[in-house]
Amino acid sequence: MNQKRWIALIVAAVLFLASIGFQVLSSVATTDFESMFNFQDPEDKFGEKVVEKGSSANKIAVLHLDGVIQDTTPSTVFNTNSYNHQRFLDMLDKAGEDNRVNGIILRVNTPGGGVVESDQIHDKILEIQEKYEKPIYVSMGNTAASGGYYIAAPADKIVAHNATLTGSIGVIMESFNFAEFADEQGIDFNTIKSGEYKDIMSMSRKMTDDEREILQAMIDDMYADFVEVIVDGRDMSEDRVRELGDGRVYTGAQAQEVELVDELGSLDDTIEMMREDQELGNAQVIEYEPGMNINKWIGGSVQSMFGSESDLIGIKDLLRENNAPRAMYLYSQ
C-alpha cells in the first residue's frame, strides 16, 4: 500500500471516529441520567439548606425561580443548573405540605416564558394559599416580567428592587419568514396538508389576513386570562389593568407608583417583612436543593472539561432547539 493510500485511510479513520464521538456526545448530553441513576429517597426529593438560623419547627422557605419559565426536557449532563419546571412545582408542593413551613418567599428572576407553565405555577400558588393558608411573598430580582409578573400577581406581598424590570403584561407569538429570500434564491417549498390552516405561521410563505385574524383571536383570549389574573390578584379594575398592560416594562420604582408592586427592597428585606408581618421572628430560613446524584456529578465533570455552563449554551441549543411558534408570556428584548 503506497503512502497516499495510507494517508487517505488515516483521514477516513479520523473522520469516522470523530463522527462516532459526536454521536456519543449527543447521546450523553440528551440522556436523563437523573432518572436512570437517582440514589435519593424517592419520598424526599430535596434537601434543606439553612440560610438563616432559627427554630426548625418554624420555617420560612425561599424558592428561587431563575430563567425562562419553560417545561423543557429534564436536566442533562450539560444542563444541571437551569430552570426545571417540574422540580419547581415539586418544591412548591413540598413547602405547602410541610407543616413546619409557615411562610414562603419566591425569589423571581425571569423574563417570563410559556403560557401553560406560568399558569401552572400561578394555580399552584393559589392552591397553597387556599389549602394550607400560608402567606406567599414575591421578591423580584433583576427581571420579573410578563410570565414573571403573572406568577407574582396572587402573592400576598410583592417586593421589587428599585431597578427591577417588571410589567411587560401581555402575550407574544413570533416566527421568522423567509419566503421572499427563498424566492430570490430560486428555492421552492412543497407542502402537502390536510386543511387550509395546517401550515399556519409557516416560514416559507407570507401569512394571510385570515390566518392573522385567527392567531390574534388566540392571543386576545390569552391576554384576557392575564388581565383577569391581575384583576383578582391585585384587586384592580379591568380597565386599569388593561391601561397598564400594554406590553411596556416598568422599573420597580415605577411599578410601585402604579401599584403593581407593594414595596421596594431586597430579598433580605422581604424576609424581614415576612418575619414582622406574619410574626415569624424566630423562624429558620431555608432553601431547597436537589441532592447529589450521578447526573450532577457527571455534569460537573463535563463542565470542568469543556468549560462553564455558559460555554455550552451553543451545544445545548443545537441539541434541544424547538422552532415551532408558540404563544408566550415573555419579555422579548
C-alpha atoms as a PDB file:
ATOM      1  CA  MET A   1       0.000   0.000   0.000  1.00  0.00           C
ATOM      2  CA  ASN A   2       1.538   3.297  -1.076  1.00  0.00           C
ATOM      3  CA  GLN A   3       1.858   6.413   1.069  1.00  0.00           C
ATOM      4  CA  LYS A   4      -1.145   8.228  -0.428  1.00  0.00           C
ATOM      5  CA  ARG A   5      -3.452   5.306   0.375  1.00  0.00           C
ATOM      6  CA  TRP A   6      -2.165   5.178   3.939  1.00  0.00           C
ATOM      7  CA  ILE A   7      -2.870   8.898   4.327  1.00  0.00           C
ATOM      8  CA  ALA A   8      -6.362   8.505   2.868  1.00  0.00           C
ATOM      9  CA  LEU A   9      -7.032   5.555   5.197  1.00  0.00           C
ATOM     10  CA  ILE A  10      -5.888   7.517   8.243  1.00  0.00           C
ATOM     11  CA  VAL A  11      -8.028  10.532   7.294  1.00  0.00           C
ATOM     12  CA  ALA A  12     -11.067   8.284   6.820  1.00  0.00           C
ATOM     13  CA  ALA A  13     -10.469   6.643  10.199  1.00  0.00           C
ATOM     14  CA  VAL A  14     -10.186  10.019  11.924  1.00  0.00           C
ATOM     15  CA  LEU A  15     -13.417  11.225  10.330  1.00  0.00           C
ATOM     16  CA  PHE A  16     -15.169   8.001  11.315  1.00  0.00           C
ATOM     17  CA  LEU A  17     -14.025   8.265  14.935  1.00  0.00           C
ATOM     18  CA  ALA A  18     -14.997  11.937  15.055  1.00  0.00           C
ATOM     19  CA  SER A  19     -18.464  11.067  13.766  1.00  0.00           C
ATOM     20  CA  ILE A  20     -18.884   8.313  16.369  1.00  0.00           C
ATOM     21  CA  GLY A  21     -17.600  10.641  19.074  1.00  0.00           C
ATOM     22  CA  PHE A  22     -20.144  13.343  18.210  1.00  0.00           C
ATOM     23  CA  GLN A  23     -22.982  10.805  18.244  1.00  0.00           C
ATOM     24  CA  VAL A  24     -21.891   9.520  21.655  1.00  0.00           C
ATOM     25  CA  LEU A  25     -21.576  13.084  22.946  1.00  0.00           C
ATOM     26  CA  SER A  26     -25.062  13.914  21.664  1.00  0.00           C
ATOM     27  CA  SER A  27     -26.490  10.786  23.282  1.00  0.00           C
ATOM     28  CA  VAL A  28     -24.828  11.532  26.617  1.00  0.00           C
ATOM     29  CA  ALA A  29     -25.884  15.169  26.501  1.00  0.00           C
ATOM     30  CA  THR A  30     -29.536  14.347  25.950  1.00  0.00           C
ATOM     31  CA  THR A  31     -29.790  11.392  28.344  1.00  0.00           C
ATOM     32  CA  ASP A  32     -31.705  11.959  31.572  1.00  0.00           C
ATOM     33  CA  PHE A  33     -29.185  10.404  33.962  1.00  0.00           C
ATOM     34  CA  GLU A  34     -31.176  11.814  36.876  1.00  0.00           C
ATOM     35  CA  SER A  35     -33.989   9.372  36.248  1.00  0.00           C
ATOM     36  CA  MET A  36     -31.599   6.498  35.465  1.00  0.00           C
ATOM     37  CA  PHE A  37     -29.300   6.830  38.482  1.00  0.00           C
ATOM     38  CA  ASN A  38     -31.023   8.682  41.285  1.00  0.00           C
ATOM     39  CA  PHE A  39     -29.994   7.386  44.679  1.00  0.00           C
ATOM     40  CA  GLN A  40     -32.088   9.813  46.703  1.00  0.00           C
ATOM     41  CA  ASP A  41     -35.042   8.715  48.796  1.00  0.00           C
ATOM     42  CA  PRO A  42     -37.950   8.953  46.304  1.00  0.00           C
ATOM     43  CA  GLU A  43     -40.147  10.324  49.095  1.00  0.00           C
ATOM     44  CA  ASP A  44     -37.751  13.222  49.757  1.00  0.00           C
ATOM     45  CA  LYS A  45     -36.550  14.810  46.520  1.00  0.00           C
ATOM     46  CA  PHE A  46     -34.895  17.821  48.132  1.00  0.00           C
ATOM     47  CA  GLY A  47     -32.518  18.621  50.920  1.00  0.00           C
ATOM     48  CA  GLU A  48     -32.773  21.743  53.055  1.00  0.00           C
ATOM     49  CA  LYS A  49     -30.070  24.382  53.176  1.00  0.00           C
ATOM     50  CA  VAL A  50     -30.275  26.690  56.191  1.00  0.00           C
ATOM     51  CA  VAL A  51     -29.542  30.288  55.163  1.00  0.00           C
ATOM     52  CA  GLU A  52     -30.602  31.920  58.448  1.00  0.00           C
ATOM     53  CA  LYS A  53     -30.610  30.097  61.768  1.00  0.00           C
ATOM     54  CA  GLY A  54     -33.743  29.874  63.864  1.00  0.00           C
ATOM     55  CA  SER A  55     -36.382  27.455  65.080  1.00  0.00           C
ATOM     56  CA  SER A  56     -36.512  24.325  62.909  1.00  0.00           C
ATOM     57  CA  ALA A  57     -40.182  23.963  63.854  1.00  0.00           C
ATOM     58  CA  ASN A  58     -40.981  27.373  62.380  1.00  0.00           C
ATOM     59  CA  LYS A  59     -39.554  27.947  58.909  1.00  0.00           C
ATOM     60  CA  ILE A  60     -39.613  30.390  56.019  1.00  0.00           C
ATOM     61  CA  ALA A  61     -38.885  28.630  52.722  1.00  0.00           C
ATOM     62  CA  VAL A  62     -37.194  30.638  49.956  1.00  0.00           C
ATOM     63  CA  LEU A  63     -37.726  29.180  46.472  1.00  0.00           C
ATOM     64  CA  HIS A  64     -35.640  30.504  43.589  1.00  0.00           C
ATOM     65  CA  LEU A  65     -37.109  30.781  40.100  1.00  0.00           C
ATOM     66  CA  ASP A  66     -34.318  31.672  37.671  1.00  0.00           C
ATOM     67  CA  GLY A  67     -34.527  31.566  33.884  1.00  0.00           C
ATOM     68  CA  VAL A  68     -37.199  31.227  31.238  1.00  0.00           C
ATOM     69  CA  ILE A  69     -40.340  29.513  32.552  1.00  0.00           C
ATOM     70  CA  GLN A  70     -40.463  26.634  30.121  1.00  0.00           C
ATOM     71  CA  ASP A  71     -41.054  22.926  30.568  1.00  0.00           C
ATOM     72  CA  THR A  72     -38.172  21.535  28.542  1.00  0.00           C
ATOM     73  CA  THR A  73     -36.535  18.124  28.679  1.00  0.00           C
ATOM     74  CA  PRO A  74     -35.131  17.022  32.047  1.00  0.00           C
ATOM     75  CA  SER A  75     -31.728  18.175  33.248  1.00  0.00           C
ATOM     76  CA  THR A  76     -28.808  16.601  31.427  1.00  0.00           C
ATOM     77  CA  VAL A  77     -25.086  16.474  31.989  1.00  0.00           C
ATOM     78  CA  PHE A  78     -24.816  19.698  30.004  1.00  0.00           C
ATOM     79  CA  ASN A  79     -27.616  21.338  31.927  1.00  0.00           C
ATOM     80  CA  THR A  80     -27.621  20.881  35.694  1.00  0.00           C
ATOM     81  CA  ASN A  81     -28.486  24.354  36.921  1.00  0.00           C
ATOM     82  CA  SER A  82     -31.067  25.882  34.562  1.00  0.00           C
ATOM     83  CA  TYR A  83     -34.776  26.233  35.341  1.00  0.00           C
ATOM     84  CA  ASN A  84     -36.521  22.897  35.784  1.00  0.00           C
ATOM     85  CA  HIS A  85     -40.280  23.350  35.676  1.00  0.00           C
ATOM     86  CA  GLN A  86     -41.385  20.116  37.317  1.00  0.00           C
ATOM     87  CA  ARG A  87     -38.771  20.484  40.021  1.00  0.00           C
ATOM     88  CA  PHE A  88     -40.041  23.979  40.852  1.00  0.00           C
ATOM     89  CA  LEU A  89     -43.635  22.721  41.085  1.00  0.00           C
ATOM     90  CA  ASP A  90     -42.420  19.928  43.366  1.00  0.00           C
ATOM     91  CA  MET A  91     -40.678  22.491  45.573  1.00  0.00           C
ATOM     92  CA  LEU A  92     -43.926  24.429  45.884  1.00  0.00           C
ATOM     93  CA  ASP A  93     -45.714  21.222  46.858  1.00  0.00           C
ATOM     94  CA  LYS A  94     -43.096  20.414  49.471  1.00  0.00           C
ATOM     95  CA  ALA A  95     -43.253  23.895  51.014  1.00  0.00           C
ATOM     96  CA  GLY A  96     -47.042  23.788  51.048  1.00  0.00           C
ATOM     97  CA  GLU A  97     -47.309  20.338  52.621  1.00  0.00           C
ATOM     98  CA  ASP A  98     -44.592  20.835  55.267  1.00  0.00           C
ATOM     99  CA  ASN A  99     -46.381  21.930  58.458  1.00  0.00           C
ATOM    100  CA  ARG A 100     -43.117  23.382  59.761  1.00  0.00           C
ATOM    101  CA  VAL A 101     -43.043  25.908  56.899  1.00  0.00           C
ATOM    102  CA  ASN A 102     -45.162  28.901  57.885  1.00  0.00           C
ATOM    103  CA  GLY A 103     -44.210  31.273  55.097  1.00  0.00           C
ATOM    104  CA  ILE A 104     -42.966  31.016  51.509  1.00  0.00           C
ATOM    105  CA  ILE A 105     -40.915  33.558  49.556  1.00  0.00           C
ATOM    106  CA  LEU A 106     -40.498  33.207  45.802  1.00  0.00           C
ATOM    107  CA  ARG A 107     -37.311  34.824  44.538  1.00  0.00           C
ATOM    108  CA  VAL A 108     -38.301  35.541  40.934  1.00  0.00           C
ATOM    109  CA  ASN A 109     -35.722  36.380  38.286  1.00  0.00           C
ATOM    110  CA  THR A 110     -37.230  35.634  34.887  1.00  0.00           C
ATOM    111  CA  PRO A 111     -38.350  37.352  31.666  1.00  0.00           C
ATOM    112  CA  GLY A 112     -41.382  35.052  31.680  1.00  0.00           C
ATOM    113  CA  GLY A 113     -41.997  32.064  29.468  1.00  0.00           C
ATOM    114  CA  GLY A 114     -44.680  29.630  28.420  1.00  0.00           C
ATOM    115  CA  VAL A 115     -48.359  30.442  28.887  1.00  0.00           C
ATOM    116  CA  VAL A 116     -49.198  26.989  30.243  1.00  0.00           C
ATOM    117  CA  GLU A 117     -46.175  26.787  32.546  1.00  0.00           C
ATOM    118  CA  SER A 118     -46.814  30.246  34.001  1.00  0.00           C
ATOM    119  CA  ASP A 119     -50.432  29.325  34.641  1.00  0.00           C
ATOM    120  CA  GLN A 120     -49.432  26.075  36.351  1.00  0.00           C
ATOM    121  CA  ILE A 121     -47.248  27.969  38.827  1.00  0.00           C
ATOM    122  CA  HIS A 122     -49.974  30.571  39.367  1.00  0.00           C
ATOM    123  CA  ASP A 123     -52.529  27.846  40.119  1.00  0.00           C
ATOM    124  CA  LYS A 124     -50.125  26.090  42.485  1.00  0.00           C
ATOM    125  CA  ILE A 125     -49.646  29.337  44.424  1.00  0.00           C
ATOM    126  CA  LEU A 126     -53.411  29.760  44.772  1.00  0.00           C
ATOM    127  CA  GLU A 127     -53.721  26.142  45.900  1.00  0.00           C
ATOM    128  CA  ILE A 128     -51.148  26.647  48.667  1.00  0.00           C
ATOM    129  CA  GLN A 129     -52.812  29.861  49.825  1.00  0.00           C
ATOM    130  CA  GLU A 130     -56.270  28.308  49.922  1.00  0.00           C
ATOM    131  CA  LYS A 131     -55.479  24.760  51.091  1.00  0.00           C
ATOM    132  CA  TYR A 132     -52.717  25.467  53.599  1.00  0.00           C
ATOM    133  CA  GLU A 133     -53.414  29.149  54.355  1.00  0.00           C
ATOM    134  CA  LYS A 134     -49.744  30.030  54.085  1.00  0.00           C
ATOM    135  CA  PRO A 135     -48.555  33.531  53.172  1.00  0.00           C
ATOM    136  CA  ILE A 136     -46.573  33.783  49.944  1.00  0.00           C
ATOM    137  CA  TYR A 137     -44.376  36.794  49.224  1.00  0.00           C
ATOM    138  CA  VAL A 138     -42.518  37.518  45.989  1.00  0.00           C
ATOM    139  CA  SER A 139     -39.063  39.078  45.900  1.00  0.00           C
ATOM    140  CA  MET A 140     -38.220  40.289  42.397  1.00  0.00           C
ATOM    141  CA  GLY A 141     -34.643  40.119  41.151  1.00  0.00           C
ATOM    142  CA  ASN A 142     -33.197  41.821  38.070  1.00  0.00           C
ATOM    143  CA  THR A 143     -36.198  40.891  35.939  1.00  0.00           C
ATOM    144  CA  ALA A 144     -39.680  39.643  36.795  1.00  0.00           C
ATOM    145  CA  ALA A 145     -41.552  40.456  33.623  1.00  0.00           C
ATOM    146  CA  SER A 146     -44.527  39.064  31.710  1.00  0.00           C
ATOM    147  CA  GLY A 147     -44.889  35.457  32.953  1.00  0.00           C
ATOM    148  CA  GLY A 148     -42.742  36.501  35.903  1.00  0.00           C
ATOM    149  CA  TYR A 149     -45.384  39.047  36.842  1.00  0.00           C
ATOM    150  CA  TYR A 150     -48.199  36.595  36.057  1.00  0.00           C
ATOM    151  CA  ILE A 151     -46.985  34.240  38.782  1.00  0.00           C
ATOM    152  CA  ALA A 152     -46.336  37.138  41.187  1.00  0.00           C
ATOM    153  CA  ALA A 153     -49.826  38.630  40.906  1.00  0.00           C
ATOM    154  CA  PRO A 154     -51.565  36.421  43.522  1.00  0.00           C
ATOM    155  CA  ALA A 155     -48.798  36.867  46.118  1.00  0.00           C
ATOM    156  CA  ASP A 156     -49.714  38.381  49.480  1.00  0.00           C
ATOM    157  CA  LYS A 157     -46.924  40.916  49.014  1.00  0.00           C
ATOM    158  CA  ILE A 158     -44.718  41.796  46.039  1.00  0.00           C
ATOM    159  CA  VAL A 159     -41.325  43.366  46.724  1.00  0.00           C
ATOM    160  CA  ALA A 160     -39.106  44.656  43.911  1.00  0.00           C
ATOM    161  CA  HIS A 161     -35.712  46.273  43.707  1.00  0.00           C
ATOM    162  CA  ASN A 162     -35.780  49.894  42.631  1.00  0.00           C
ATOM    163  CA  ALA A 163     -34.235  48.911  39.270  1.00  0.00           C
ATOM    164  CA  THR A 164     -36.079  45.616  38.706  1.00  0.00           C
ATOM    165  CA  LEU A 165     -37.597  45.300  35.230  1.00  0.00           C
ATOM    166  CA  THR A 166     -41.177  44.108  35.577  1.00  0.00           C
ATOM    167  CA  GLY A 167     -44.515  44.518  33.841  1.00  0.00           C
ATOM    168  CA  SER A 168     -44.446  43.539  30.160  1.00  0.00           C
ATOM    169  CA  ILE A 169     -48.023  42.397  30.672  1.00  0.00           C
ATOM    170  CA  GLY A 170     -49.206  40.640  27.552  1.00  0.00           C
ATOM    171  CA  VAL A 171     -48.752  37.774  25.118  1.00  0.00           C
ATOM    172  CA  ILE A 172     -46.421  37.409  22.162  1.00  0.00           C
ATOM    173  CA  MET A 173     -46.049  34.916  19.337  1.00  0.00           C
ATOM    174  CA  GLU A 174     -43.253  35.250  16.802  1.00  0.00           C
ATOM    175  CA  SER A 175     -41.824  33.399  13.839  1.00  0.00           C
ATOM    176  CA  PHE A 176     -39.396  34.022  11.002  1.00  0.00           C
ATOM    177  CA  ASN A 177     -40.489  34.375   7.397  1.00  0.00           C
ATOM    178  CA  PHE A 178     -38.010  33.975   4.569  1.00  0.00           C
ATOM    179  CA  ALA A 179     -40.425  33.489   1.675  1.00  0.00           C
ATOM    180  CA  GLU A 180     -39.068  36.488  -0.236  1.00  0.00           C
ATOM    181  CA  PHE A 181     -35.463  35.401   0.266  1.00  0.00           C
ATOM    182  CA  ALA A 182     -36.280  31.859  -0.855  1.00  0.00           C
ATOM    183  CA  ASP A 183     -37.995  33.219  -3.950  1.00  0.00           C
ATOM    184  CA  GLU A 184     -34.951  35.329  -4.802  1.00  0.00           C
ATOM    185  CA  GLN A 185     -32.720  32.279  -4.444  1.00  0.00           C
ATOM    186  CA  GLY A 186     -34.982  30.082  -6.532  1.00  0.00           C
ATOM    187  CA  ILE A 187     -35.907  27.834  -3.613  1.00  0.00           C
ATOM    188  CA  ASP A 188     -39.291  26.103  -3.798  1.00  0.00           C
ATOM    189  CA  PHE A 189     -41.210  24.615  -0.847  1.00  0.00           C
ATOM    190  CA  ASN A 190     -43.592  21.724  -1.385  1.00  0.00           C
ATOM    191  CA  THR A 191     -46.267  21.428   1.307  1.00  0.00           C
ATOM    192  CA  ILE A 192     -48.950  18.755   1.422  1.00  0.00           C
ATOM    193  CA  LYS A 193     -51.548  19.460   4.114  1.00  0.00           C
ATOM    194  CA  SER A 194     -54.902  18.184   5.305  1.00  0.00           C
ATOM    195  CA  GLY A 195     -56.517  21.574   5.815  1.00  0.00           C
ATOM    196  CA  GLU A 196     -56.226  25.199   4.773  1.00  0.00           C
ATOM    197  CA  TYR A 197     -54.643  26.334   8.031  1.00  0.00           C
ATOM    198  CA  LYS A 198     -52.450  23.321   8.798  1.00  0.00           C
ATOM    199  CA  ASP A 199     -49.274  25.261   7.964  1.00  0.00           C
ATOM    200  CA  ILE A 200     -50.347  28.486   9.658  1.00  0.00           C
ATOM    201  CA  MET A 201     -47.282  30.620  10.543  1.00  0.00           C
ATOM    202  CA  SER A 202     -45.187  28.737   8.003  1.00  0.00           C
ATOM    203  CA  MET A 203     -41.796  30.337   7.474  1.00  0.00           C
ATOM    204  CA  SER A 204     -41.926  29.541   3.768  1.00  0.00           C
ATOM    205  CA  ARG A 205     -44.820  31.818   2.781  1.00  0.00           C
ATOM    206  CA  LYS A 206     -46.471  35.065   3.778  1.00  0.00           C
ATOM    207  CA  MET A 207     -49.254  34.983   6.332  1.00  0.00           C
ATOM    208  CA  THR A 208     -52.771  35.628   5.040  1.00  0.00           C
ATOM    209  CA  ASP A 209     -55.209  38.079   6.630  1.00  0.00           C
ATOM    210  CA  ASP A 210     -57.446  35.191   7.722  1.00  0.00           C
ATOM    211  CA  GLU A 211     -54.542  33.483   9.453  1.00  0.00           C
ATOM    212  CA  ARG A 212     -53.530  36.660  11.239  1.00  0.00           C
ATOM    213  CA  GLU A 213     -57.109  37.082  12.456  1.00  0.00           C
ATOM    214  CA  ILE A 214     -57.180  33.507  13.809  1.00  0.00           C
ATOM    215  CA  LEU A 215     -53.918  33.951  15.693  1.00  0.00           C
ATOM    216  CA  GLN A 216     -54.870  37.377  17.011  1.00  0.00           C
ATOM    217  CA  ALA A 217     -58.063  35.904  18.474  1.00  0.00           C
ATOM    218  CA  MET A 218     -55.951  33.304  20.301  1.00  0.00           C
ATOM    219  CA  ILE A 219     -53.608  35.972  21.643  1.00  0.00           C
ATOM    220  CA  ASP A 220     -56.558  38.104  22.762  1.00  0.00           C
ATOM    221  CA  ASP A 221     -58.020  35.173  24.726  1.00  0.00           C
ATOM    222  CA  MET A 222     -54.715  34.541  26.487  1.00  0.00           C
ATOM    223  CA  TYR A 223     -54.307  38.245  27.208  1.00  0.00           C
ATOM    224  CA  ALA A 224     -57.789  38.315  28.763  1.00  0.00           C
ATOM    225  CA  ASP A 225     -56.686  35.500  31.094  1.00  0.00           C
ATOM    226  CA  PHE A 226     -53.590  37.513  32.035  1.00  0.00           C
ATOM    227  CA  VAL A 227     -55.722  40.566  32.784  1.00  0.00           C
ATOM    228  CA  GLU A 228     -58.088  38.512  34.949  1.00  0.00           C
ATOM    229  CA  VAL A 229     -55.162  37.125  36.972  1.00  0.00           C
ATOM    230  CA  ILE A 230     -54.023  40.663  37.814  1.00  0.00           C
ATOM    231  CA  VAL A 231     -57.558  41.902  38.495  1.00  0.00           C
ATOM    232  CA  ASP A 232     -58.015  39.117  41.038  1.00  0.00           C
ATOM    233  CA  GLY A 233     -54.510  39.146  42.466  1.00  0.00           C
ATOM    234  CA  ARG A 234     -54.004  42.899  42.774  1.00  0.00           C
ATOM    235  CA  ASP A 235     -57.621  43.932  43.350  1.00  0.00           C
ATOM    236  CA  MET A 236     -57.581  46.320  40.385  1.00  0.00           C
ATOM    237  CA  SER A 237     -60.271  47.185  37.889  1.00  0.00           C
ATOM    238  CA  GLU A 238     -60.083  45.570  34.468  1.00  0.00           C
ATOM    239  CA  ASP A 239     -59.846  48.965  32.788  1.00  0.00           C
ATOM    240  CA  ARG A 240     -56.866  49.906  34.958  1.00  0.00           C
ATOM    241  CA  VAL A 241     -55.077  46.634  34.264  1.00  0.00           C
ATOM    242  CA  ARG A 242     -55.588  46.992  30.515  1.00  0.00           C
ATOM    243  CA  GLU A 243     -54.298  50.548  30.716  1.00  0.00           C
ATOM    244  CA  LEU A 244     -51.112  49.384  32.450  1.00  0.00           C
ATOM    245  CA  GLY A 245     -50.850  46.157  30.480  1.00  0.00           C
ATOM    246  CA  ASP A 246     -49.911  47.416  27.036  1.00  0.00           C
ATOM    247  CA  GLY A 247     -46.680  45.427  26.986  1.00  0.00           C
ATOM    248  CA  ARG A 248     -44.397  48.100  28.408  1.00  0.00           C
ATOM    249  CA  VAL A 249     -41.870  47.331  31.128  1.00  0.00           C
ATOM    250  CA  TYR A 250     -41.637  49.237  34.390  1.00  0.00           C
ATOM    251  CA  THR A 251     -38.810  49.698  36.833  1.00  0.00           C
ATOM    252  CA  GLY A 252     -39.514  48.542  40.348  1.00  0.00           C
ATOM    253  CA  ALA A 253     -39.998  52.150  41.430  1.00  0.00           C
ATOM    254  CA  GLN A 254     -42.430  52.846  38.584  1.00  0.00           C
ATOM    255  CA  ALA A 255     -44.302  49.616  39.304  1.00  0.00           C
ATOM    256  CA  GLN A 256     -44.758  50.660  42.922  1.00  0.00           C
ATOM    257  CA  GLU A 257     -46.162  54.020  41.829  1.00  0.00           C
ATOM    258  CA  VAL A 258     -48.849  52.291  39.726  1.00  0.00           C
ATOM    259  CA  GLU A 259     -49.463  49.654  42.443  1.00  0.00           C
ATOM    260  CA  LEU A 260     -48.138  46.670  40.530  1.00  0.00           C
ATOM    261  CA  VAL A 261     -45.753  46.037  43.444  1.00  0.00           C
ATOM    262  CA  ASP A 262     -46.166  46.781  47.144  1.00  0.00           C
ATOM    263  CA  GLU A 263     -42.702  47.572  48.474  1.00  0.00           C
ATOM    264  CA  LEU A 264     -39.159  48.241  47.332  1.00  0.00           C
ATOM    265  CA  GLY A 265     -36.366  46.156  48.779  1.00  0.00           C
ATOM    266  CA  SER A 266     -34.024  43.197  48.507  1.00  0.00           C
ATOM    267  CA  LEU A 267     -34.530  39.528  49.282  1.00  0.00           C
ATOM    268  CA  ASP A 268     -33.216  40.158  52.801  1.00  0.00           C
ATOM    269  CA  ASP A 269     -35.737  42.975  53.178  1.00  0.00           C
ATOM    270  CA  THR A 270     -38.510  40.650  52.014  1.00  0.00           C
ATOM    271  CA  ILE A 271     -37.524  38.057  54.609  1.00  0.00           C
ATOM    272  CA  GLU A 272     -37.627  40.701  57.340  1.00  0.00           C
ATOM    273  CA  MET A 273     -41.025  41.917  56.101  1.00  0.00           C
ATOM    274  CA  MET A 274     -42.410  38.384  56.343  1.00  0.00           C
ATOM    275  CA  ARG A 275     -40.946  37.927  59.820  1.00  0.00           C
ATOM    276  CA  GLU A 276     -42.623  41.116  61.005  1.00  0.00           C
ATOM    277  CA  ASP A 277     -45.916  40.842  59.102  1.00  0.00           C
ATOM    278  CA  GLN A 278     -46.518  37.179  59.961  1.00  0.00           C
ATOM    279  CA  GLU A 279     -44.944  37.187  63.451  1.00  0.00           C
ATOM    280  CA  LEU A 280     -42.210  34.754  62.424  1.00  0.00           C
ATOM    281  CA  GLY A 281     -39.380  36.454  64.266  1.00  0.00           C
ATOM    282  CA  ASN A 282     -37.644  33.235  65.327  1.00  0.00           C
ATOM    283  CA  ALA A 283     -38.177  31.379  62.040  1.00  0.00           C
ATOM    284  CA  GLN A 284     -35.383  29.459  60.395  1.00  0.00           C
ATOM    285  CA  VAL A 285     -34.909  30.477  56.744  1.00  0.00           C
ATOM    286  CA  ILE A 286     -34.274  27.590  54.377  1.00  0.00           C
ATOM    287  CA  GLU A 287     -33.812  26.893  50.691  1.00  0.00           C
ATOM    288  CA  TYR A 288     -34.455  23.599  48.920  1.00  0.00           C
ATOM    289  CA  GLU A 289     -31.724  21.999  46.880  1.00  0.00           C
ATOM    290  CA  PRO A 290     -31.722  18.722  44.937  1.00  0.00           C
ATOM    291  CA  GLY A 291     -29.460  16.082  46.424  1.00  0.00           C
ATOM    292  CA  MET A 292     -26.274  14.995  44.683  1.00  0.00           C
ATOM    293  CA  ASN A 293     -26.778  12.275  42.103  1.00  0.00           C
ATOM    294  CA  ILE A 294     -24.883  10.847  39.174  1.00  0.00           C
ATOM    295  CA  ASN A 295     -26.368  13.421  36.788  1.00  0.00           C
ATOM    296  CA  LYS A 296     -24.950  16.318  38.738  1.00  0.00           C
ATOM    297  CA  TRP A 297     -21.653  14.510  39.321  1.00  0.00           C
ATOM    298  CA  ILE A 298     -21.157  13.773  35.615  1.00  0.00           C
ATOM    299  CA  GLY A 299     -22.433  17.250  34.733  1.00  0.00           C
ATOM    300  CA  GLY A 300     -19.774  18.825  36.911  1.00  0.00           C
ATOM    301  CA  SER A 301     -17.122  16.656  35.290  1.00  0.00           C
ATOM    302  CA  VAL A 302     -18.248  17.543  31.766  1.00  0.00           C
ATOM    303  CA  GLN A 303     -18.320  21.250  32.567  1.00  0.00           C
ATOM    304  CA  SER A 304     -14.876  21.079  34.153  1.00  0.00           C
ATOM    305  CA  MET A 305     -13.525  19.513  30.954  1.00  0.00           C
ATOM    306  CA  PHE A 306     -15.305  21.724  28.434  1.00  0.00           C
ATOM    307  CA  GLY A 307     -15.766  24.974  30.327  1.00  0.00           C
ATOM    308  CA  SER A 308     -18.530  26.700  32.239  1.00  0.00           C
ATOM    309  CA  GLU A 309     -22.222  26.121  31.593  1.00  0.00           C
ATOM    310  CA  SER A 310     -22.403  29.357  29.613  1.00  0.00           C
ATOM    311  CA  ASP A 311     -19.751  27.957  27.244  1.00  0.00           C
ATOM    312  CA  LEU A 312     -22.067  25.021  26.492  1.00  0.00           C
ATOM    313  CA  ILE A 313     -25.131  27.083  25.588  1.00  0.00           C
ATOM    314  CA  GLY A 314     -24.480  26.706  21.867  1.00  0.00           C
ATOM    315  CA  ILE A 315     -24.327  22.918  22.146  1.00  0.00           C
ATOM    316  CA  LYS A 316     -27.470  22.767  24.293  1.00  0.00           C
ATOM    317  CA  ASP A 317     -29.370  24.977  21.866  1.00  0.00           C
ATOM    318  CA  LEU A 318     -28.271  22.821  18.950  1.00  0.00           C
ATOM    319  CA  LEU A 319     -29.412  19.639  20.681  1.00  0.00           C
ATOM    320  CA  ARG A 320     -32.659  20.930  22.159  1.00  0.00           C
ATOM    321  CA  GLU A 321     -33.899  23.769  19.967  1.00  0.00           C
ATOM    322  CA  ASN A 322     -37.597  23.752  19.097  1.00  0.00           C
ATOM    323  CA  ASN A 323     -38.516  26.144  16.289  1.00  0.00           C
ATOM    324  CA  ALA A 324     -42.294  25.689  16.498  1.00  0.00           C
ATOM    325  CA  PRO A 325     -44.022  29.050  17.108  1.00  0.00           C
ATOM    326  CA  ARG A 326     -45.813  29.270  20.448  1.00  0.00           C
ATOM    327  CA  ALA A 327     -47.606  31.929  22.448  1.00  0.00           C
ATOM    328  CA  MET A 328     -45.532  33.198  25.357  1.00  0.00           C
ATOM    329  CA  TYR A 329     -45.888  35.410  28.400  1.00  0.00           C
ATOM    330  CA  LEU A 330     -42.383  36.656  27.649  1.00  0.00           C
ATOM    331  CA  TYR A 331     -40.490  39.939  27.802  1.00  0.00           C
ATOM    332  CA  SER A 332     -38.655  39.879  24.466  1.00  0.00           C
ATOM    333  CA  GLN A 333     -35.856  42.423  24.082  1.00  0.00           C
END
